[in-house]
């Protein structure tokens, strides 16, 4: 790509950065604190007075939680499929469904028959949203003990002690969104008044 071809691409980065910042209701000072880039540099980037570099765009892509190619309006790659590489840990298979670094991560979880029986509740930083596709998921969340059937969902702060188990008679399949503290999905499943079977 020649300099003549590159100029319009780079000229469009500033307005795109400003639009992302305004869309997320953030100030230049907020962004400067998160990225370590000075307010004046951010202002010049947005106004087009400073040419964007990879060194500046990488922390901004992370802060806005968008892929780098979205900032520079890279051409479509053609194949939109996510090439997932399943990972199995402790009997549970996790299939990642997102590719971007940071932010909320989506994955499909497969819990084999008997998974989690007798597991102790644990805690960690973050937030999770679960949606059961098939099977029966027992979710112990603090004092609550519930069984979620296909089509039911739950969301919770993972600092609350929690444990999952497959209580069905086949593999339990669910979708999970896992993200840093404060990034929450908006669907809630309230526990029933009775205890799980």
Protein backbone atom coordinates (compact mmCIF):
# COMPACT_ATOMS: atom_id res chain seq x y z
CA UNK A 1 0.00 0.00 0.00
CA UNK A 2 1.49 3.38 -1.02
CA UNK A 3 1.55 6.51 1.16
CA UNK A 4 -1.20 7.96 -1.06
CA UNK A 5 -3.39 4.91 -0.36
CA UNK A 6 -2.54 4.95 3.36
CA UNK A 7 -3.37 8.62 4.07
CA UNK A 8 -7.20 8.32 3.83
CA UNK A 9 -7.09 5.22 6.09
CA UNK A 10 -5.01 7.02 8.74
CA UNK A 11 -7.06 10.23 8.42
CA UNK A 12 -10.21 8.28 9.35
CA UNK A 13 -8.70 6.90 12.60
CA UNK A 14 -9.11 10.15 14.59
CA UNK A 15 -12.86 10.53 14.04
CA UNK A 16 -13.32 6.81 14.77
CA UNK A 17 -11.44 7.16 18.08
CA UNK A 18 -13.52 10.20 19.06
CA UNK A 19 -16.78 8.41 18.18
CA UNK A 20 -15.82 5.40 20.33
CA UNK A 21 -14.89 7.61 23.28
CA UNK A 22 -18.13 9.63 23.04
CA UNK A 23 -20.20 6.46 22.56
CA UNK A 24 -18.84 5.11 25.86
CA UNK A 25 -19.31 8.49 27.59
CA UNK A 26 -15.63 8.85 28.49
CA UNK A 27 -13.48 11.94 28.76
CA UNK A 28 -9.97 12.35 27.37
CA UNK A 29 -8.75 12.34 30.99
CA UNK A 30 -10.48 8.97 31.63
CA UNK A 31 -8.83 7.48 28.56
CA UNK A 32 -5.44 8.98 29.43
CA UNK A 33 -5.58 7.44 32.91
CA UNK A 34 -6.40 4.01 31.48
CA UNK A 35 -3.92 3.98 28.59
CA UNK A 36 -1.02 6.07 29.88
CA UNK A 37 -1.26 8.27 26.76
CA UNK A 38 -1.32 12.00 27.56
CA UNK A 39 -4.53 14.01 27.13
CA UNK A 40 -2.80 16.28 24.59
CA UNK A 41 -1.67 13.29 22.47
CA UNK A 42 -5.17 11.81 22.58
CA UNK A 43 -6.67 15.15 21.56
CA UNK A 44 -4.24 15.51 18.64
CA UNK A 45 -4.98 11.91 17.53
CA UNK A 46 -8.72 12.55 17.51
CA UNK A 47 -8.37 15.85 15.63
CA UNK A 48 -6.00 14.36 13.05
CA UNK A 49 -3.07 16.55 14.10
CA UNK A 50 -1.07 13.48 15.16
CA UNK A 51 -0.52 10.45 12.95
CA UNK A 52 -1.62 7.20 14.65
CA UNK A 53 1.07 4.60 15.35
CA UNK A 54 0.81 1.01 16.46
CA UNK A 55 2.28 2.01 19.84
CA UNK A 56 -0.69 4.37 20.37
CA UNK A 57 -3.41 2.27 18.75
CA UNK A 58 -2.81 -0.96 20.70
CA UNK A 59 -3.63 0.48 24.17
CA UNK A 60 -6.57 2.40 22.68
CA UNK A 61 -8.00 -0.76 21.09
CA UNK A 62 -7.73 -2.49 24.50
CA UNK A 63 -9.33 0.45 26.31
CA UNK A 64 -12.25 0.59 23.85
CA UNK A 65 -12.44 -3.24 23.75
CA UNK A 66 -12.42 -3.39 19.96
CA UNK A 67 -10.09 -5.24 17.59
CA UNK A 68 -7.25 -3.14 16.20
CA UNK A 69 -8.52 -3.61 12.64
CA UNK A 70 -11.78 -1.88 13.65
CA UNK A 71 -9.84 1.26 14.57
CA UNK A 72 -8.14 1.42 11.17
CA UNK A 73 -11.16 0.10 9.26
CA UNK A 74 -9.22 -2.85 7.87
CA UNK A 75 -10.89 -4.70 4.99
CA UNK A 76 -13.02 -7.73 5.79
CA UNK A 77 -11.08 -10.96 6.06
CA UNK A 78 -13.78 -12.81 4.15
CA UNK A 79 -14.40 -15.78 6.43
CA UNK A 80 -16.37 -14.75 9.54
CA UNK A 81 -16.20 -18.17 11.22
CA UNK A 82 -14.52 -18.46 14.61
CA UNK A 83 -12.00 -21.30 14.45
CA UNK A 84 -12.49 -22.56 17.98
CA UNK A 85 -9.94 -24.78 19.68
CA UNK A 86 -11.64 -26.68 22.49
CA UNK A 87 -9.81 -26.96 25.81
CA UNK A 88 -10.65 -29.61 28.41
CA UNK A 89 -9.95 -28.94 32.10
CA UNK A 90 -11.13 -31.07 34.97
CA UNK A 91 -13.49 -32.94 32.63
CA UNK A 92 -15.24 -29.76 31.38
CA UNK A 93 -14.71 -28.84 27.71
CA UNK A 94 -14.58 -25.13 26.89
CA UNK A 95 -15.04 -23.95 23.29
CA UNK A 96 -14.07 -20.25 22.91
CA UNK A 97 -16.49 -18.25 20.76
CA UNK A 98 -14.72 -14.87 20.82
CA UNK A 99 -11.33 -13.87 19.51
CA UNK A 100 -10.74 -10.40 20.88
CA UNK A 101 -8.43 -9.92 23.86
CA UNK A 102 -9.84 -8.55 27.11
CA UNK A 103 -13.42 -7.66 27.87
CA UNK A 104 -16.22 -10.16 27.95
CA UNK A 105 -15.33 -13.61 26.61
CA UNK A 106 -18.00 -15.93 25.22
CA UNK A 107 -17.66 -19.69 25.30
CA UNK A 108 -19.65 -22.87 25.05
CA UNK A 109 -19.19 -25.24 28.00
CA UNK A 110 -19.79 -28.99 27.87
CA UNK A 111 -20.17 -30.66 31.27
CA UNK A 112 -19.98 -34.47 31.11
CA UNK A 113 -22.36 -36.72 33.00
CA UNK A 114 -21.63 -36.46 36.74
CA UNK A 115 -19.45 -33.35 36.38
CA UNK A 116 -19.13 -31.30 39.57
CA UNK A 117 -20.77 -33.80 41.92
CA UNK A 118 -19.56 -32.91 45.40
CA UNK A 119 -17.49 -29.95 44.15
CA UNK A 120 -16.78 -27.23 46.68
CA UNK A 121 -17.88 -23.68 46.00
CA UNK A 122 -15.08 -21.32 44.94
CA UNK A 123 -14.60 -17.62 44.34
CA UNK A 124 -12.54 -15.49 41.97
CA UNK A 125 -12.61 -12.00 40.48
CA UNK A 126 -15.04 -11.39 37.64
CA UNK A 127 -18.62 -11.75 36.54
CA UNK A 128 -20.39 -14.60 34.73
CA UNK A 129 -23.57 -15.09 32.73
CA UNK A 130 -24.77 -18.64 31.99
CA UNK A 131 -27.45 -19.85 29.56
CA UNK A 132 -28.37 -23.55 29.47
CA UNK A 133 -28.74 -24.99 25.96
CA UNK A 134 -29.28 -28.66 26.84
CA UNK A 135 -29.33 -30.81 29.97
CA UNK A 136 -29.70 -29.73 33.59
CA UNK A 137 -27.23 -27.47 35.38
CA UNK A 138 -27.09 -27.37 39.15
CA UNK A 139 -25.81 -23.98 40.28
CA UNK A 140 -24.89 -23.49 43.91
CA UNK A 141 -24.44 -19.77 44.46
CA UNK A 142 -23.80 -18.68 48.03
CA UNK A 143 -26.82 -19.93 50.02
CA UNK A 144 -28.86 -20.62 46.86
CA UNK A 145 -29.07 -24.07 45.30
CA UNK A 146 -30.94 -24.23 41.99
CA UNK A 147 -31.28 -26.36 38.87
CA UNK A 148 -31.41 -24.56 35.53
CA UNK A 149 -33.14 -26.24 32.58
CA UNK A 150 -32.70 -25.43 28.86
CA UNK A 151 -33.59 -21.81 28.17
CA UNK A 152 -32.86 -20.62 31.70
CA UNK A 153 -30.07 -18.20 32.56
CA UNK A 154 -28.21 -16.88 35.57
CA UNK A 155 -25.74 -14.06 36.15
CA UNK A 156 -23.57 -13.50 39.18
CA UNK A 157 -20.53 -11.84 40.66
CA UNK A 158 -17.88 -14.58 40.87
CA UNK A 159 -16.71 -13.28 44.24
CA UNK A 160 -19.84 -15.05 45.54
CA UNK A 161 -18.94 -18.68 46.36
CA UNK A 162 -20.25 -20.84 43.51
CA UNK A 163 -20.12 -24.32 41.99
CA UNK A 164 -21.67 -25.94 38.91
CA UNK A 165 -22.68 -29.55 38.39
CA UNK A 166 -24.39 -31.62 35.69
CA UNK A 167 -27.49 -33.16 37.29
CA UNK A 168 -28.99 -34.51 34.07
CA UNK A 169 -28.59 -37.90 32.41
CA UNK A 170 -26.49 -36.64 29.47
CA UNK A 171 -23.94 -33.92 28.67
CA UNK A 172 -24.99 -30.47 29.88
CA UNK A 173 -24.35 -27.76 27.27
CA UNK A 174 -24.33 -24.08 28.15
CA UNK A 175 -23.19 -20.73 26.86
CA UNK A 176 -21.12 -18.61 29.21
CA UNK A 177 -20.11 -14.97 29.12
CA UNK A 178 -17.22 -14.26 31.44
CA UNK A 179 -15.80 -10.85 31.99
CA UNK A 180 -14.03 -8.47 34.32
CA UNK A 181 -15.85 -7.08 37.33
CA UNK A 182 -18.53 -4.58 36.42
CA UNK A 183 -19.26 -5.83 32.89
CA UNK A 184 -22.63 -7.43 33.32
CA UNK A 185 -25.14 -9.03 31.02
CA UNK A 186 -28.69 -7.84 31.64
CA UNK A 187 -30.69 -11.04 32.04
CA UNK A 188 -31.31 -12.43 35.51
CA UNK A 189 -32.72 -15.73 36.70
CA UNK A 190 -34.00 -15.52 40.26
CA UNK A 191 -33.70 -18.65 42.40
CA UNK A 192 -36.94 -20.45 43.21
CA UNK A 193 -38.11 -20.44 46.84
CA UNK A 194 -37.73 -24.22 47.11
CA UNK A 195 -34.42 -26.07 47.16
CA UNK A 196 -33.17 -28.08 44.17
CA UNK A 197 -33.98 -31.74 43.83
